[in-house]
PDB file of N, CA and C in Angstrom:
ATOM      1  N   UNK A   1      83.447 143.736  80.241  1.00  0.00           N
ATOM      2  CA  UNK A   1      82.889 144.855  80.981  1.00  0.00           C
ATOM      3  C   UNK A   1      81.162 145.112  81.257  1.00  0.00           C
ATOM      4  N   UNK A   2      80.264 144.320  79.599  1.00  0.00           N
ATOM      5  CA  UNK A   2      79.442 144.065  79.668  1.00  0.00           C
ATOM      6  C   UNK A   2      78.433 142.947  81.185  1.00  0.00           C
ATOM      7  N   UNK A   3      79.597 142.234  81.242  1.00  0.00           N
ATOM      8  CA  UNK A   3      79.112 141.121  82.001  1.00  0.00           C
ATOM      9  C   UNK A   3      79.571 141.214  84.129  1.00  0.00           C
ATOM     10  N   UNK A   4      80.373 142.620  83.643  1.00  0.00           N
ATOM     11  CA  UNK A   4      80.538 143.077  85.258  1.00  0.00           C
ATOM     12  C   UNK A   4      79.086 144.125  85.200  1.00  0.00           C
ATOM     13  N   UNK A   5      78.390 144.686  84.627  1.00  0.00           N
ATOM     14  CA  UNK A   5      77.036 145.535  84.951  1.00  0.00           C
ATOM     15  C   UNK A   5      76.512 144.210  85.191  1.00  0.00           C
ATOM     16  N   UNK A   6      76.373 143.542  84.955  1.00  0.00           N
ATOM     17  CA  UNK A   6      75.074 142.164  85.198  1.00  0.00           C
ATOM     18  C   UNK A   6      75.203 141.864  85.846  1.00  0.00           C
ATOM     19  N   UNK A   7      76.561 141.886  86.321  1.00  0.00           N
ATOM     20  CA  UNK A   7      76.779 141.390  87.993  1.00  0.00           C
ATOM     21  C   UNK A   7      76.417 142.330  88.756  1.00  0.00           C
ATOM     22  N   UNK A   8      76.754 143.439  88.880  1.00  0.00           N
ATOM     23  CA  UNK A   8      77.590 144.550  89.478  1.00  0.00           C
ATOM     24  C   UNK A   8      75.520 145.975  90.181  1.00  0.00           C
ATOM     25  N   UNK A   9      75.121 145.429  88.922  1.00  0.00           N
ATOM     26  CA  UNK A   9      73.323 145.794  89.050  1.00  0.00           C
ATOM     27  C   UNK A   9      73.277 146.348  90.064  1.00  0.00           C
ATOM     28  N   UNK A  10      72.584 144.010  90.094  1.00  0.00           N
ATOM     29  CA  UNK A  10      71.522 143.426  91.327  1.00  0.00           C
ATOM     30  C   UNK A  10      72.655 144.019  93.174  1.00  0.00           C
ATOM     31  N   UNK A  11      73.844 144.273  92.575  1.00  0.00           N
ATOM     32  CA  UNK A  11      74.676 144.615  94.130  1.00  0.00           C
ATOM     33  C   UNK A  11      74.007 145.572  94.555  1.00  0.00           C
ATOM     34  N   UNK A  12      74.329 146.748  93.590  1.00  0.00           N
ATOM     35  CA  UNK A  12      73.817 147.833  93.706  1.00  0.00           C
ATOM     36  C   UNK A  12      72.890 148.406  94.838  1.00  0.00           C
ATOM     37  N   UNK A  13      71.215 147.510  94.082  1.00  0.00           N
ATOM     38  CA  UNK A  13      70.317 146.447  94.043  1.00  0.00           C
ATOM     39  C   UNK A  13      70.366 147.368  95.684  1.00  0.00           C
ATOM     40  N   UNK A  14      70.680 146.714  96.178  1.00  0.00           N
ATOM     41  CA  UNK A  14      70.732 145.561  97.764  1.00  0.00           C
ATOM     42  C   UNK A  14      71.225 146.497  98.696  1.00  0.00           C
ATOM     43  N   UNK A  15      71.719 147.269  98.532  1.00  0.00           N
ATOM     44  CA  UNK A  15      72.823 148.428  99.139  1.00  0.00           C
ATOM     45  C   UNK A  15      71.869 149.445  99.811  1.00  0.00           C
ATOM     46  N   UNK A  16      71.582 149.038 101.096  1.00  0.00           N
ATOM     47  CA  UNK A  16      71.193 149.682 102.326  1.00  0.00           C
ATOM     48  C   UNK A  16      71.006 151.161 101.920  1.00  0.00           C
ATOM     49  N   UNK A  17      69.420 151.720 101.748  1.00  0.00           N
ATOM     50  CA  UNK A  17      68.853 152.967 101.704  1.00  0.00           C
ATOM     51  C   UNK A  17      70.313 153.697 102.145  1.00  0.00           C
ATOM     52  N   UNK A  18      70.591 153.993 102.893  1.00  0.00           N
ATOM     53  CA  UNK A  18      71.011 155.733 103.473  1.00  0.00           C
ATOM     54  C   UNK A  18      72.654 155.379 102.508  1.00  0.00           C
ATOM     55  N   UNK A  19      72.711 153.881 102.018  1.00  0.00           N
ATOM     56  CA  UNK A  19      73.673 154.633 100.508  1.00  0.00           C
ATOM     57  C   UNK A  19      73.155 154.325  98.933  1.00  0.00           C
ATOM     58  N   UNK A  20      72.139 153.697  99.067  1.00  0.00           N
ATOM     59  CA  UNK A  20      71.724 153.665  97.869  1.00  0.00           C
ATOM     60  C   UNK A  20      72.534 154.568  96.606  1.00  0.00           C
ATOM     61  N   UNK A  21      71.557 155.833  97.151  1.00  0.00           N
ATOM     62  CA  UNK A  21      71.160 157.021  95.840  1.00  0.00           C
ATOM     63  C   UNK A  21      72.042 158.028  96.233  1.00  0.00           C
ATOM     64  N   UNK A  22      73.142 157.569  96.713  1.00  0.00           N
ATOM     65  CA  UNK A  22      74.135 158.320  96.107  1.00  0.00           C
ATOM     66  C   UNK A  22      75.111 157.008  96.283  1.00  0.00           C
ATOM     67  N   UNK A  23      75.432 156.114  97.286  1.00  0.00           N
ATOM     68  CA  UNK A  23      77.376 156.215  96.250  1.00  0.00           C
ATOM     69  C   UNK A  23      76.867 154.612  95.586  1.00  0.00           C
ATOM     70  N   UNK A  24      75.671 153.887  95.859  1.00  0.00           N
ATOM     71  CA  UNK A  24      75.260 153.297  94.504  1.00  0.00           C
ATOM     72  C   UNK A  24      75.315 153.914  93.436  1.00  0.00           C
ATOM     73  N   UNK A  25      74.493 155.260  93.243  1.00  0.00           N
ATOM     74  CA  UNK A  25      74.376 155.443  91.988  1.00  0.00           C
ATOM     75  C   UNK A  25      75.655 155.901  91.351  1.00  0.00           C
ATOM     76  N   UNK A  26      76.368 156.900  92.228  1.00  0.00           N
ATOM     77  CA  UNK A  26      77.592 157.113  91.666  1.00  0.00           C
ATOM     78  C   UNK A  26      79.085 155.863  91.199  1.00  0.00           C
ATOM     79  N   UNK A  27      78.411 154.509  91.732  1.00  0.00           N
ATOM     80  CA  UNK A  27      78.808 153.420  91.637  1.00  0.00           C
ATOM     81  C   UNK A  27      78.810 153.042  89.805  1.00  0.00           C
ATOM     82  N   UNK A  28      76.796 152.988  89.374  1.00  0.00           N
ATOM     83  CA  UNK A  28      76.371 152.400  88.929  1.00  0.00           C
ATOM     84  C   UNK A  28      77.023 153.873  87.257  1.00  0.00           C
ATOM     85  N   UNK A  29      77.041 154.957  87.878  1.00  0.00           N
ATOM     86  CA  UNK A  29      77.291 155.973  86.775  1.00  0.00           C
ATOM     87  C   UNK A  29      78.718 155.244  85.930  1.00  0.00           C
ATOM     88  N   UNK A  30      79.609 155.623  87.513  1.00  0.00           N
ATOM     89  CA  UNK A  30      81.139 155.410  86.671  1.00  0.00           C
ATOM     90  C   UNK A  30      81.030 154.334  86.164  1.00  0.00           C
ATOM     91  N   UNK A  31      81.338 152.509  86.589  1.00  0.00           N
ATOM     92  CA  UNK A  31      80.577 151.872  85.446  1.00  0.00           C
ATOM     93  C   UNK A  31      80.307 151.687  84.285  1.00  0.00           C
ATOM     94  N   UNK A  32      79.010 152.788  83.929  1.00  0.00           N
ATOM     95  CA  UNK A  32      78.255 152.876  82.695  1.00  0.00           C
ATOM     96  C   UNK A  32      79.409 153.579  81.683  1.00  0.00           C
ATOM     97  N   UNK A  33      80.291 154.937  82.284  1.00  0.00           N
ATOM     98  CA  UNK A  33      81.344 155.928  81.922  1.00  0.00           C
ATOM     99  C   UNK A  33      82.098 154.937  81.507  1.00  0.00           C
ATOM    100  N   UNK A  34      82.756 154.352  82.549  1.00  0.00           N
ATOM    101  CA  UNK A  34      84.137 152.896  81.896  1.00  0.00           C
ATOM    102  C   UNK A  34      83.494 151.689  80.020  1.00  0.00           C
ATOM    103  N   UNK A  35      82.232 151.414  80.374  1.00  0.00           N
ATOM    104  CA  UNK A  35      82.282 150.965  79.218  1.00  0.00           C
ATOM    105  C   UNK A  35      81.608 151.845  78.178  1.00  0.00           C
ATOM    106  N   UNK A  36      81.172 153.435  78.092  1.00  0.00           N
ATOM    107  CA  UNK A  36      81.231 154.394  77.020  1.00  0.00           C
ATOM    108  C   UNK A  36      81.894 154.386  76.950  1.00  0.00           C
ATOM    109  N   UNK A  37      83.364 154.648  77.142  1.00  0.00           N
ATOM    110  CA  UNK A  37      84.878 154.932  77.121  1.00  0.00           C
ATOM    111  C   UNK A  37      85.529 153.722  75.826  1.00  0.00           C
ATOM    112  N   UNK A  38      84.886 152.445  76.971  1.00  0.00           N
ATOM    113  CA  UNK A  38      84.810 151.212  75.890  1.00  0.00           C
ATOM    114  C   UNK A  38      84.724 151.552  74.300  1.00  0.00           C
ATOM    115  N   UNK A  39      83.409 151.777  74.592  1.00  0.00           N
ATOM    116  CA  UNK A  39      83.016 151.924  72.575  1.00  0.00           C
ATOM    117  C   UNK A  39      83.577 152.836  72.326  1.00  0.00           C
ATOM    118  N   UNK A  40      83.359 153.817  72.673  1.00  0.00           N
ATOM    119  CA  UNK A  40      84.008 155.245  71.828  1.00  0.00           C
ATOM    120  C   UNK A  40      85.501 154.972  71.523  1.00  0.00           C
ATOM    121  N   UNK A  41      86.487 153.879  72.544  1.00  0.00           N
ATOM    122  CA  UNK A  41      87.619 153.460  72.437  1.00  0.00           C
ATOM    123  C   UNK A  41      87.424 152.778  71.121  1.00  0.00           C
ATOM    124  N   UNK A  42      86.867 151.793  70.967  1.00  0.00           N
ATOM    125  CA  UNK A  42      86.775 150.346  69.827  1.00  0.00           C
ATOM    126  C   UNK A  42      86.159 151.412  68.679  1.00  0.00           C
ATOM    127  N   UNK A  43      86.248 152.443  68.283  1.00  0.00           N
ATOM    128  CA  UNK A  43      85.318 153.179  67.195  1.00  0.00           C
ATOM    129  C   UNK A  43      85.702 154.574  66.856  1.00  0.00           C
ATOM    130  N   UNK A  44      86.943 154.927  67.748  1.00  0.00           N
ATOM    131  CA  UNK A  44      87.628 157.114  67.704  1.00  0.00           C
ATOM    132  C   UNK A  44      89.247 155.718  66.763  1.00  0.00           C
ATOM    133  N   UNK A  45      89.364 157.027  66.392  1.00  0.00           N
ATOM    134  CA  UNK A  45      90.666 156.558  66.031  1.00  0.00           C
ATOM    135  C   UNK A  45      91.604 156.354  66.976  1.00  0.00           C
ATOM    136  N   UNK A  46      91.095 158.049  68.196  1.00  0.00           N
ATOM    137  CA  UNK A  46      91.895 158.324  68.692  1.00  0.00           C
ATOM    138  C   UNK A  46      92.188 157.295  70.623  1.00  0.00           C
ATOM    139  N   UNK A  47      91.729 156.616  70.441  1.00  0.00           N
ATOM    140  CA  UNK A  47      91.660 155.114  71.385  1.00  0.00           C
ATOM    141  C   UNK A  47      92.944 155.679  71.973  1.00  0.00           C
ATOM    142  N   UNK A  48      94.200 156.000  72.189  1.00  0.00           N
ATOM    143  CA  UNK A  48      95.186 155.780  73.543  1.00  0.00           C
ATOM    144  C   UNK A  48      94.094 156.321  75.036  1.00  0.00           C
ATOM    145  N   UNK A  49      93.254 158.432  74.298  1.00  0.00           N
ATOM    146  CA  UNK A  49      93.233 159.690  75.341  1.00  0.00           C
ATOM    147  C   UNK A  49      91.892 158.313  76.174  1.00  0.00           C
ATOM    148  N   UNK A  50      90.675 157.570  75.910  1.00  0.00           N
ATOM    149  CA  UNK A  50      89.750 157.181  75.374  1.00  0.00           C
ATOM    150  C   UNK A  50      90.202 155.990  76.521  1.00  0.00           C
ATOM    151  N   UNK A  51      91.056 155.286  76.562  1.00  0.00           N
ATOM    152  CA  UNK A  51      91.447 154.152  76.964  1.00  0.00           C
ATOM    153  C   UNK A  51      92.455 154.968  78.625  1.00  0.00           C
ATOM    154  N   UNK A  52      92.621 155.691  78.487  1.00  0.00           N
ATOM    155  CA  UNK A  52      93.297 156.306  80.139  1.00  0.00           C
ATOM    156  C   UNK A  52      91.790 157.136  80.510  1.00  0.00           C
ATOM    157  N   UNK A  53      91.377 157.639  80.046  1.00  0.00           N
ATOM    158  CA  UNK A  53      89.547 158.173  80.759  1.00  0.00           C
ATOM    159  C   UNK A  53      88.963 157.094  81.491  1.00  0.00           C
ATOM    160  N   UNK A  54      89.472 156.127  80.646  1.00  0.00           N
ATOM    161  CA  UNK A  54      88.489 154.837  81.824  1.00  0.00           C
ATOM    162  C   UNK A  54      89.368 154.290  82.737  1.00  0.00           C
ATOM    163  N   UNK A  55      91.036 154.390  82.394  1.00  0.00           N
ATOM    164  CA  UNK A  55      91.989 153.252  83.563  1.00  0.00           C
ATOM    165  C   UNK A  55      91.715 154.267  84.530  1.00  0.00           C
ATOM    166  N   UNK A  56      91.556 155.874  84.628  1.00  0.00           N
ATOM    167  CA  UNK A  56      91.540 156.412  85.082  1.00  0.00           C
ATOM    168  C   UNK A  56      90.009 155.910  85.978  1.00  0.00           C
ATOM    169  N   UNK A  57      88.774 156.292  85.439  1.00  0.00           N
ATOM    170  CA  UNK A  57      87.333 156.206  85.527  1.00  0.00           C
ATOM    171  C   UNK A  57      87.214 154.652  86.605  1.00  0.00           C
ATOM    172  N   UNK A  58      87.617 154.097  86.548  1.00  0.00           N
ATOM    173  CA  UNK A  58      88.314 152.631  86.697  1.00  0.00           C
ATOM    174  C   UNK A  58      88.796 152.730  88.391  1.00  0.00           C
ATOM    175  N   UNK A  59      89.853 153.166  87.951  1.00  0.00           N
ATOM    176  CA  UNK A  59      90.621 153.384  89.925  1.00  0.00           C
ATOM    177  C   UNK A  59      89.828 153.898  90.416  1.00  0.00           C
ATOM    178  N   UNK A  60      88.785 155.062  89.837  1.00  0.00           N
ATOM    179  CA  UNK A  60      87.976 155.431  91.339  1.00  0.00           C
ATOM    180  C   UNK A  60      86.880 154.211  91.537  1.00  0.00           C
ATOM    181  N   UNK A  61      86.555 154.115  91.040  1.00  0.00           N
ATOM    182  CA  UNK A  61      85.409 153.203  90.875  1.00  0.00           C
ATOM    183  C   UNK A  61      85.803 151.893  91.911  1.00  0.00           C
ATOM    184  N   UNK A  62      86.950 151.756  91.669  1.00  0.00           N
ATOM    185  CA  UNK A  62      87.703 150.313  93.131  1.00  0.00           C
ATOM    186  C   UNK A  62      87.664 151.083  94.933  1.00  0.00           C
ATOM    187  N   UNK A  63      87.981 152.836  94.504  1.00  0.00           N
ATOM    188  CA  UNK A  63      87.819 153.190  95.723  1.00  0.00           C
ATOM    189  C   UNK A  63      86.263 152.876  95.586  1.00  0.00           C
ATOM    190  N   UNK A  64      85.578 153.758  95.179  1.00  0.00           N
ATOM    191  CA  UNK A  64      83.788 153.651  95.987  1.00  0.00           C
ATOM    192  C   UNK A  64      83.815 152.395  95.927  1.00  0.00           C
ATOM    193  N   UNK A  65      83.953 151.071  95.638  1.00  0.00           N
ATOM    194  CA  UNK A  65      83.439 149.201  96.718  1.00  0.00           C
ATOM    195  C   UNK A  65      83.797 149.857  96.961  1.00  0.00           C
ATOM    196  N   UNK A  66      85.981 149.631  97.422  1.00  0.00           N
ATOM    197  CA  UNK A  66      86.400 149.387  98.564  1.00  0.00           C
ATOM    198  C   UNK A  66      85.369 150.727 100.027  1.00  0.00           C
ATOM    199  N   UNK A  67      84.656 151.410  99.358  1.00  0.00           N
ATOM    200  CA  UNK A  67      84.391 152.098 100.355  1.00  0.00           C
ATOM    201  C   UNK A  67      82.992 151.822 101.124  1.00  0.00           C
ATOM    202  N   UNK A  68      82.502 151.079  99.556  1.00  0.00           N
ATOM    203  CA  UNK A  68      81.451 150.254  99.916  1.00  0.00           C
ATOM    204  C   UNK A  68      81.216 148.845 100.745  1.00  0.00           C
ATOM    205  N   UNK A  69      81.849 148.750 101.172  1.00  0.00           N
ATOM    206  CA  UNK A  69      83.205 147.108 101.515  1.00  0.00           C
ATOM    207  C   UNK A  69      82.791 147.240 103.230  1.00  0.00           C
ATOM    208  N   UNK A  70      82.918 148.850 103.437  1.00  0.00           N
ATOM    209  CA  UNK A  70      84.185 149.188 104.838  1.00  0.00           C
ATOM    210  C   UNK A  70      82.780 149.698 105.294  1.00  0.00           C
ATOM    211  N   UNK A  71      81.354 150.276 104.499  1.00  0.00           N
ATOM    212  CA  UNK A  71      80.610 150.714 104.768  1.00  0.00           C
ATOM    213  C   UNK A  71      79.148 149.101 105.033  1.00  0.00           C
ATOM    214  N   UNK A  72      79.544 148.252 104.960  1.00  0.00           N
ATOM    215  CA  UNK A  72      79.122 147.122 104.963  1.00  0.00           C
ATOM    216  C   UNK A  72      77.976 147.062 104.115  1.00  0.00           C
ATOM    217  N   UNK A  73      77.321 147.589 102.774  1.00  0.00           N
ATOM    218  CA  UNK A  73      76.794 147.141 101.546  1.00  0.00           C
ATOM    219  C   UNK A  73      77.104 146.220 100.957  1.00  0.00           C
ATOM    220  N   UNK A  74      78.823 145.904 101.080  1.00  0.00           N
ATOM    221  CA  UNK A  74      79.303 144.547 100.534  1.00  0.00           C
ATOM    222  C   UNK A  74      79.582 143.232 101.198  1.00  0.00           C
ATOM    223  N   UNK A  75      78.829 142.520 101.400  1.00  0.00           N
ATOM    224  CA  UNK A  75      79.970 141.014 101.316  1.00  0.00           C
ATOM    225  C   UNK A  75      81.464 140.732 101.067  1.00  0.00           C
ATOM    226  N   UNK A  76      82.536 140.490 102.251  1.00  0.00           N
ATOM    227  CA  UNK A  76      83.886 140.393 101.194  1.00  0.00           C
ATOM    228  C   UNK A  76      83.742 139.073 100.992  1.00  0.00           C
ATOM    229  N   UNK A  77      82.261 138.100 100.610  1.00  0.00           N
ATOM    230  CA  UNK A  77      82.354 137.532  99.331  1.00  0.00           C
ATOM    231  C   UNK A  77      81.960 138.349  97.632  1.00  0.00           C
ATOM    232  N   UNK A  78      81.221 139.337  98.315  1.00  0.00           N
ATOM    233  CA  UNK A  78      80.624 140.049  97.226  1.00  0.00           C
ATOM    234  C   UNK A  78      82.129 140.742  96.484  1.00  0.00           C
ATOM    235  N   UNK A  79      82.342 141.679  97.734  1.00  0.00           N
ATOM    236  CA  UNK A  79      83.621 142.273  97.160  1.00  0.00           C
ATOM    237  C   UNK A  79      84.708 141.588  96.820  1.00  0.00           C
ATOM    238  N   UNK A  80      85.129 140.750  97.498  1.00  0.00           N
ATOM    239  CA  UNK A  80      86.460 140.267  96.100  1.00  0.00           C
ATOM    240  C   UNK A  80      86.239 139.037  94.825  1.00  0.00           C
ATOM    241  N   UNK A  81      85.061 139.574  94.722  1.00  0.00           N
ATOM    242  CA  UNK A  81      84.458 139.082  93.079  1.00  0.00           C
ATOM    243  C   UNK A  81      84.981 140.409  92.208  1.00  0.00           C
ATOM    244  N   UNK A  82      83.371 141.006  93.060  1.00  0.00           N
ATOM    245  CA  UNK A  82      83.822 142.977  92.474  1.00  0.00           C
ATOM    246  C   UNK A  82      85.040 142.866  92.032  1.00  0.00           C
ATOM    247  N   UNK A  83      86.229 143.689  92.848  1.00  0.00           N
ATOM    248  CA  UNK A  83      87.212 143.110  92.531  1.00  0.00           C
ATOM    249  C   UNK A  83      88.521 142.403  91.783  1.00  0.00           C
ATOM    250  N   UNK A  84      87.937 141.507  91.685  1.00  0.00           N
ATOM    251  CA  UNK A  84      88.542 140.759  91.116  1.00  0.00           C
ATOM    252  C   UNK A  84      88.299 140.628  89.403  1.00  0.00           C
ATOM    253  N   UNK A  85      87.010 141.401  89.097  1.00  0.00           N
ATOM    254  CA  UNK A  85      86.741 141.779  87.870  1.00  0.00           C
ATOM    255  C   UNK A  85      87.411 143.034  87.138  1.00  0.00           C
ATOM    256  N   UNK A  86      87.437 143.566  88.889  1.00  0.00           N
ATOM    257  CA  UNK A  86      87.766 145.147  88.378  1.00  0.00           C
ATOM    258  C   UNK A  86      89.450 145.081  88.466  1.00  0.00           C
ATOM    259  N   UNK A  87      89.969 144.229  88.585  1.00  0.00           N
ATOM    260  CA  UNK A  87      91.526 143.937  88.624  1.00  0.00           C
ATOM    261  C   UNK A  87      91.365 143.227  86.921  1.00  0.00           C
ATOM    262  N   UNK A  88      90.914 142.403  86.521  1.00  0.00           N
ATOM    263  CA  UNK A  88      90.710 142.039  84.838  1.00  0.00           C
ATOM    264  C   UNK A  88      90.585 142.849  83.659  1.00  0.00           C
ATOM    265  N   UNK A  89      88.988 143.691  83.795  1.00  0.00           N
ATOM    266  CA  UNK A  89      89.189 144.895  83.592  1.00  0.00           C
ATOM    267  C   UNK A  89      90.304 145.794  83.116  1.00  0.00           C
ATOM    268  N   UNK A  90      90.806 145.660  84.082  1.00  0.00           N
ATOM    269  CA  UNK A  90      91.783 146.440  84.665  1.00  0.00           C
ATOM    270  C   UNK A  90      93.125 146.118  83.545  1.00  0.00           C
ATOM    271  N   UNK A  91      93.327 144.865  83.745  1.00  0.00           N
ATOM    272  CA  UNK A  91      94.124 143.833  82.430  1.00  0.00           C
ATOM    273  C   UNK A  91      94.172 144.032  81.197  1.00  0.00           C
ATOM    274  N   UNK A  92      92.726 143.855  81.427  1.00  0.00           N
ATOM    275  CA  UNK A  92      92.676 144.428  79.953  1.00  0.00           C
ATOM    276  C   UNK A  92      92.394 145.739  79.099  1.00  0.00           C
ATOM    277  N   UNK A  93      92.242 146.974  80.390  1.00  0.00           N
ATOM    278  CA  UNK A  93      92.355 148.205  79.692  1.00  0.00           C
ATOM    279  C   UNK A  93      94.235 148.116  79.189  1.00  0.00           C
ATOM    280  N   UNK A  94      95.219 147.871  80.246  1.00  0.00           N
ATOM    281  CA  UNK A  94      96.663 147.604  80.319  1.00  0.00           C
ATOM    282  C   UNK A  94      96.809 147.452  79.289  1.00  0.00           C
ATOM    283  N   UNK A  95      96.783 146.221  78.686  1.00  0.00           N
ATOM    284  CA  UNK A  95      97.149 145.219  76.992  1.00  0.00           C
ATOM    285  C   UNK A  95      97.377 145.520  76.115  1.00  0.00           C
ATOM    286  N   UNK A  96      95.486 146.977  76.020  1.00  0.00           N
ATOM    287  CA  UNK A  96      94.720 147.366  74.835  1.00  0.00           C
ATOM    288  C   UNK A  96      96.441 148.595  74.715  1.00  0.00           C
ATOM    289  N   UNK A  97      96.611 149.292  75.687  1.00  0.00           N
ATOM    290  CA  UNK A  97      96.819 150.680  76.077  1.00  0.00           C
ATOM    291  C   UNK A  97      98.788 150.071  75.227  1.00  0.00           C
ATOM    292  N   UNK A  98      99.145 148.688  75.884  1.00  0.00           N
ATOM    293  CA  UNK A  98      99.989 148.325  75.250  1.00  0.00           C
ATOM    294  C   UNK A  98     100.058 148.463  73.481  1.00  0.00           C
ATOM    295  N   UNK A  99      99.160 147.950  73.216  1.00  0.00           N
ATOM    296  CA  UNK A  99      99.278 146.960  71.735  1.00  0.00           C
ATOM    297  C   UNK A  99      99.490 148.455  71.309  1.00  0.00           C
ATOM    298  N   UNK A 100      98.579 149.457  71.303  1.00  0.00           N
ATOM    299  CA  UNK A 100      98.489 151.117  71.065  1.00  0.00           C
ATOM    300  C   UNK A 100      99.968 151.121  70.908  1.00  0.00           C
ATOM    301  N   UNK A 101     100.543 151.614  71.790  1.00  0.00           N
ATOM    302  CA  UNK A 101     101.867 152.236  71.693  1.00  0.00           C
ATOM    303  C   UNK A 101     102.917 150.861  70.662  1.00  0.00           C
ATOM    304  N   UNK A 102     102.421 149.878  70.986  1.00  0.00           N
ATOM    305  CA  UNK A 102     103.953 149.060  69.667  1.00  0.00           C
ATOM    306  C   UNK A 102     103.429 149.485  68.717  1.00  0.00           C
ATOM    307  N   UNK A 103     101.460 149.737  68.109  1.00  0.00           N
ATOM    308  CA  UNK A 103     101.629 150.244  66.515  1.00  0.00           C
ATOM    309  C   UNK A 103     102.333 151.541  66.361  1.00  0.00           C
ATOM    310  N   UNK A 104     103.033 152.802  67.074  1.00  0.00           N
ATOM    311  CA  UNK A 104     103.705 154.175  67.116  1.00  0.00           C
ATOM    312  C   UNK A 104     104.672 153.848  67.083  1.00  0.00           C
TER     313      UNK A 104
END
């Protein structure tokens, strides 16, 4: 997630001015919230609730990234890279949830 943020934030700063402060800020906040959820889940006893929260936020992030692409804030290439990174993060969340469910 940290590496994803390192890639995403410079891209958000390139958003057109009319989308940077609403859409860009929303994407940035959601991405940071997901990182927070990962950190809390890692150190928490009740990991499952936090991971489900992170998964929901990741889905919201997917739609905002898609909207950013449709509004021409992201090129096709950047959209593809960001989308694949989001899918990787989603797979990580899914695997983490599966491993917790197996322990129970």
